[in-house]
Amino acid sequence: MSRVYVARCCSYNREILEAALNASLEAFAAETASIKPGQKVLLKPNLLKARPPERAVTTHPAVVAAVARWVKRLGATPIITDSPGGQFNASVLCRVYRVTGMMAVAEETGAVLNYDTESVLLPCPEGRLMKMVDTLSVAAEADAVISLPKLKTHGLTRFTGATKNLFGLVPGVAKAAFHTRFPAVDRFSEMLIDILSQYKPVLTIMDAVTGMEGDGPSRGDPRHV
């Protein structure tokens, strides 16, 4: 059974956000104790496209910054990583990081922005549909993964959150092949569970301060949650 903690958080104000985050982290002391000094901790926000935070397409930089500061206090290195849809190279990543506010997060917190676009094929022994998963090399090399999804609607799965966020660790245009291979929502969702079984995040912290409703995951309307 997975445990879920819901913390009320009415805005992205730093004090309010960190109070909610600290309350959540206290509830998961056993899980967070696995993060050790010197480790490389992958922070996986939803960075679907180069869109500013107020559009609610991507995980808000205030959330990513709060988690990065906490990881740094543990003595570990936070590495901000995602693979936006479509073309995937250092130039695309640079624009996405700048527009979404991740570049400012890195400057403020000392977190590392990943520009490595290499991928590896890893075995997925627990997978039901896939026994091998094409994944970003930086994810394969990380000591721990913290997923930072955005609460949004989605045209195929109806909802995008903690589980679907990890689909971003499939490199660039390779995502299209998965959509072609698993066009039906039930099979596509089973594939997402296979990816989840591969990464097993230490913790998932969802940005649901402002979510998205309507035509998600990129053309919907921001909704204060």
Protein backbone atom coordinates (compact mmCIF):
# COMPACT_ATOMS: atom_id res chain seq x y z
CA MET A 1 0.00 0.00 0.00
CA SER A 2 1.22 3.50 -0.83
CA ARG A 3 0.73 6.18 1.80
CA VAL A 4 -0.51 9.62 0.76
CA TYR A 5 -0.28 12.84 2.77
CA VAL A 6 -2.26 15.91 1.74
CA ALA A 7 -1.02 19.29 2.98
CA ARG A 8 -3.05 22.45 2.51
CA CYS A 9 -1.02 25.03 0.59
CA CYS A 10 -2.85 28.15 -0.58
CA SER A 11 -0.04 29.84 -2.53
CA TYR A 12 3.53 29.61 -3.82
CA ASN A 13 4.73 31.99 -1.10
CA ARG A 14 8.03 30.56 0.18
CA GLU A 15 7.06 30.40 3.87
CA ILE A 16 3.65 28.86 3.18
CA LEU A 17 5.06 26.37 0.69
CA GLU A 18 7.92 25.25 2.93
CA ALA A 19 5.58 24.80 5.91
CA ALA A 20 3.42 22.46 3.82
CA LEU A 21 6.49 20.65 2.48
CA ASN A 22 7.99 20.18 5.96
CA ALA A 23 4.72 18.77 7.27
CA SER A 24 4.67 16.31 4.38
CA LEU A 25 8.29 15.29 4.87
CA GLU A 26 7.73 14.61 8.57
CA ALA A 27 5.06 12.09 7.59
CA PHE A 28 7.58 10.20 5.44
CA ALA A 29 10.62 10.18 7.69
CA ALA A 30 11.41 6.53 6.92
CA GLU A 31 11.43 7.11 3.18
CA THR A 32 13.47 10.30 3.31
CA ALA A 33 16.05 8.71 5.62
CA SER A 34 17.29 6.72 2.63
CA ILE A 35 18.78 9.89 1.09
CA LYS A 36 22.40 10.15 2.25
CA PRO A 37 25.11 12.82 2.02
CA GLY A 38 27.04 12.67 -1.25
CA GLN A 39 24.26 11.02 -3.22
CA LYS A 40 22.95 12.25 -6.57
CA VAL A 41 19.20 12.83 -6.24
CA LEU A 42 17.19 13.21 -9.42
CA LEU A 43 14.41 15.81 -9.16
CA LYS A 44 11.87 15.02 -11.89
CA PRO A 45 9.43 17.92 -12.40
CA ASN A 46 6.92 17.99 -15.24
CA LEU A 47 8.61 20.17 -17.88
CA LEU A 48 6.42 19.24 -20.81
CA LYS A 49 7.06 22.44 -22.79
CA ALA A 50 8.75 25.82 -22.55
CA ARG A 51 5.83 27.55 -20.85
CA PRO A 52 5.96 30.11 -18.02
CA PRO A 53 4.83 28.96 -14.55
CA GLU A 54 1.57 30.92 -14.62
CA ARG A 55 0.30 28.76 -17.50
CA ALA A 56 0.23 25.73 -15.12
CA VAL A 57 1.70 23.44 -17.80
CA THR A 58 4.81 22.69 -15.75
CA THR A 59 5.72 22.10 -12.11
CA HIS A 60 6.06 25.48 -10.42
CA PRO A 61 9.68 26.53 -9.80
CA ALA A 62 8.87 27.44 -6.18
CA VAL A 63 8.06 23.77 -5.50
CA VAL A 64 11.22 22.55 -7.20
CA ALA A 65 13.32 25.12 -5.33
CA ALA A 66 11.88 24.10 -1.95
CA VAL A 67 12.67 20.43 -2.58
CA ALA A 68 16.15 21.29 -3.93
CA ARG A 69 16.96 23.28 -0.78
CA TRP A 70 15.84 20.35 1.38
CA VAL A 71 17.99 17.87 -0.59
CA LYS A 72 20.98 20.20 -0.24
CA ARG A 73 20.45 20.36 3.54
CA LEU A 74 20.73 16.56 3.58
CA GLY A 75 24.16 16.87 1.95
CA ALA A 76 23.04 15.37 -1.37
CA THR A 77 23.16 16.91 -4.86
CA PRO A 78 19.79 17.69 -6.51
CA ILE A 79 19.80 17.22 -10.30
CA ILE A 80 16.82 18.73 -12.15
CA THR A 81 15.95 16.51 -15.11
CA ASP A 82 13.19 16.01 -17.64
CA SER A 83 12.80 15.15 -21.30
CA PRO A 84 10.24 17.48 -22.91
CA GLY A 85 8.10 16.11 -25.72
CA GLY A 86 9.47 16.36 -29.28
CA GLN A 87 13.01 17.33 -30.21
CA PHE A 88 15.46 16.66 -27.40
CA ASN A 89 18.84 18.37 -27.31
CA ALA A 90 20.82 20.79 -25.14
CA SER A 91 19.42 23.83 -26.94
CA VAL A 92 15.82 22.73 -26.32
CA LEU A 93 16.60 21.97 -22.67
CA CYS A 94 18.19 25.38 -22.21
CA ARG A 95 15.05 27.15 -23.43
CA VAL A 96 12.75 24.92 -21.35
CA TYR A 97 14.82 25.51 -18.20
CA ARG A 98 14.85 29.26 -18.77
CA VAL A 99 11.15 29.74 -19.57
CA THR A 100 9.84 27.38 -16.85
CA GLY A 101 11.97 29.01 -14.16
CA MET A 102 14.28 26.05 -13.57
CA MET A 103 17.35 28.08 -14.52
CA ALA A 104 16.52 30.54 -11.75
CA VAL A 105 16.00 27.63 -9.34
CA ALA A 106 19.47 26.30 -10.12
CA GLU A 107 21.04 29.73 -9.63
CA GLU A 108 19.28 30.19 -6.29
CA THR A 109 19.72 26.72 -4.78
CA GLY A 110 22.86 25.31 -6.39
CA ALA A 111 20.89 22.46 -7.98
CA VAL A 112 22.36 20.97 -11.16
CA LEU A 113 20.50 21.29 -14.48
CA ASN A 114 20.91 18.18 -16.59
CA TYR A 115 21.93 18.70 -20.24
CA ASP A 116 22.92 15.09 -20.92
CA THR A 117 20.58 13.74 -23.62
CA GLU A 118 22.15 10.27 -23.82
CA SER A 119 19.95 7.27 -23.10
CA VAL A 120 20.42 3.61 -22.17
CA LEU A 121 18.26 0.51 -22.47
CA LEU A 122 17.64 -0.96 -19.04
CA PRO A 123 16.01 -4.25 -18.02
CA CYS A 124 12.59 -3.95 -16.40
CA PRO A 125 12.17 -7.29 -14.61
CA GLU A 126 8.87 -6.37 -12.95
CA GLY A 127 7.32 -5.08 -16.19
CA ARG A 128 4.17 -6.73 -17.54
CA LEU A 129 4.26 -5.20 -21.02
CA MET A 130 7.91 -4.19 -21.26
CA LYS A 131 11.02 -6.04 -20.17
CA MET A 132 13.37 -3.29 -21.37
CA VAL A 133 12.95 0.48 -20.93
CA ASP A 134 14.70 3.22 -22.91
CA THR A 135 15.69 5.78 -20.28
CA LEU A 136 17.85 8.86 -19.77
CA SER A 137 21.37 7.98 -18.71
CA VAL A 138 21.29 10.53 -15.88
CA ALA A 139 18.27 8.75 -14.41
CA ALA A 140 20.01 5.39 -14.59
CA GLU A 141 23.02 6.81 -12.74
CA ALA A 142 21.10 8.60 -9.96
CA ASP A 143 21.12 7.24 -6.40
CA ALA A 144 17.51 8.29 -5.80
CA VAL A 145 14.55 9.75 -7.68
CA ILE A 146 12.06 12.29 -6.33
CA SER A 147 9.10 12.82 -8.64
CA LEU A 148 7.61 16.34 -8.73
CA PRO A 149 4.46 16.12 -10.87
CA LYS A 150 1.89 18.80 -11.70
CA LEU A 151 -1.80 18.14 -11.09
CA LYS A 152 -3.38 18.30 -14.56
CA THR A 153 -6.04 16.83 -16.78
CA HIS A 154 -4.87 14.74 -19.75
CA GLY A 155 -6.45 13.97 -23.10
CA LEU A 156 -5.59 10.26 -23.05
CA THR A 157 -5.29 9.18 -19.42
CA ARG A 158 -7.81 11.81 -18.16
CA PHE A 159 -5.38 12.71 -15.39
CA THR A 160 -1.63 13.25 -15.26
CA GLY A 161 0.12 13.10 -11.92
CA ALA A 162 2.58 11.04 -9.93
CA THR A 163 2.74 7.97 -12.18
CA LYS A 164 2.59 9.57 -15.61
CA ASN A 165 5.22 12.14 -14.63
CA LEU A 166 7.88 9.43 -14.89
CA PHE A 167 7.10 9.02 -18.61
CA GLY A 168 9.30 12.09 -18.98
CA LEU A 169 12.35 9.93 -18.27
CA VAL A 170 11.80 8.28 -21.66
CA PRO A 171 14.03 10.32 -23.99
CA GLY A 172 12.54 12.84 -26.43
CA VAL A 173 10.90 11.47 -29.56
CA ALA A 174 11.02 7.91 -28.19
CA LYS A 175 7.79 8.79 -26.38
CA ALA A 176 5.95 8.82 -29.71
CA ALA A 177 6.82 5.17 -30.24
CA PHE A 178 5.17 4.29 -26.93
CA HIS A 179 1.98 6.12 -27.94
CA THR A 180 1.95 4.20 -31.24
CA ARG A 181 2.63 0.87 -29.54
CA PHE A 182 0.04 1.41 -26.77
CA PRO A 183 -2.75 3.59 -28.26
CA ALA A 184 -5.50 2.39 -25.90
CA VAL A 185 -5.70 4.05 -22.50
CA ASP A 186 -5.69 0.80 -20.50
CA ARG A 187 -2.56 -0.59 -22.19
CA PHE A 188 -0.84 2.80 -22.10
CA SER A 189 -1.56 2.99 -18.37
CA GLU A 190 -0.13 -0.50 -17.82
CA MET A 191 3.01 0.66 -19.62
CA LEU A 192 3.24 3.61 -17.21
CA ILE A 193 3.10 1.18 -14.28
CA ASP A 194 6.03 -0.71 -15.82
CA ILE A 195 8.03 2.54 -15.92
CA LEU A 196 7.07 3.23 -12.31
CA SER A 197 8.34 -0.23 -11.31
CA GLN A 198 11.67 0.61 -12.94
CA TYR A 199 12.35 3.86 -11.05
CA LYS A 200 10.59 3.42 -7.69
CA PRO A 201 10.79 7.06 -6.53
CA VAL A 202 11.83 7.57 -2.92
CA LEU A 203 9.17 10.25 -2.69
CA THR A 204 6.56 11.96 -4.87
CA ILE A 205 5.57 15.55 -4.13
CA MET A 206 2.75 16.86 -6.29
CA ASP A 207 2.33 20.54 -7.14
CA ALA A 208 -1.43 20.98 -6.76
CA VAL A 209 -1.45 24.60 -5.59
CA THR A 210 -2.49 25.64 -9.10
CA GLY A 211 -3.45 22.74 -11.36
CA MET A 212 -4.89 22.49 -14.85
CA GLU A 213 -8.41 21.63 -15.98
CA GLY A 214 -9.95 21.33 -19.44
CA ASP A 215 -7.79 20.46 -22.44
CA GLY A 216 -4.72 19.18 -20.59
CA PRO A 217 -1.87 18.50 -20.39
CA SER A 218 -0.78 21.66 -22.23
CA ARG A 219 -3.80 23.61 -23.53
CA GLY A 220 -6.04 23.64 -20.49
CA ASP A 221 -6.86 26.39 -18.01
CA PRO A 222 -5.08 27.06 -14.72
CA ARG A 223 -7.27 26.20 -11.73
CA HIS A 224 -6.43 27.07 -8.11
CA VAL A 225 -6.72 23.82 -6.17
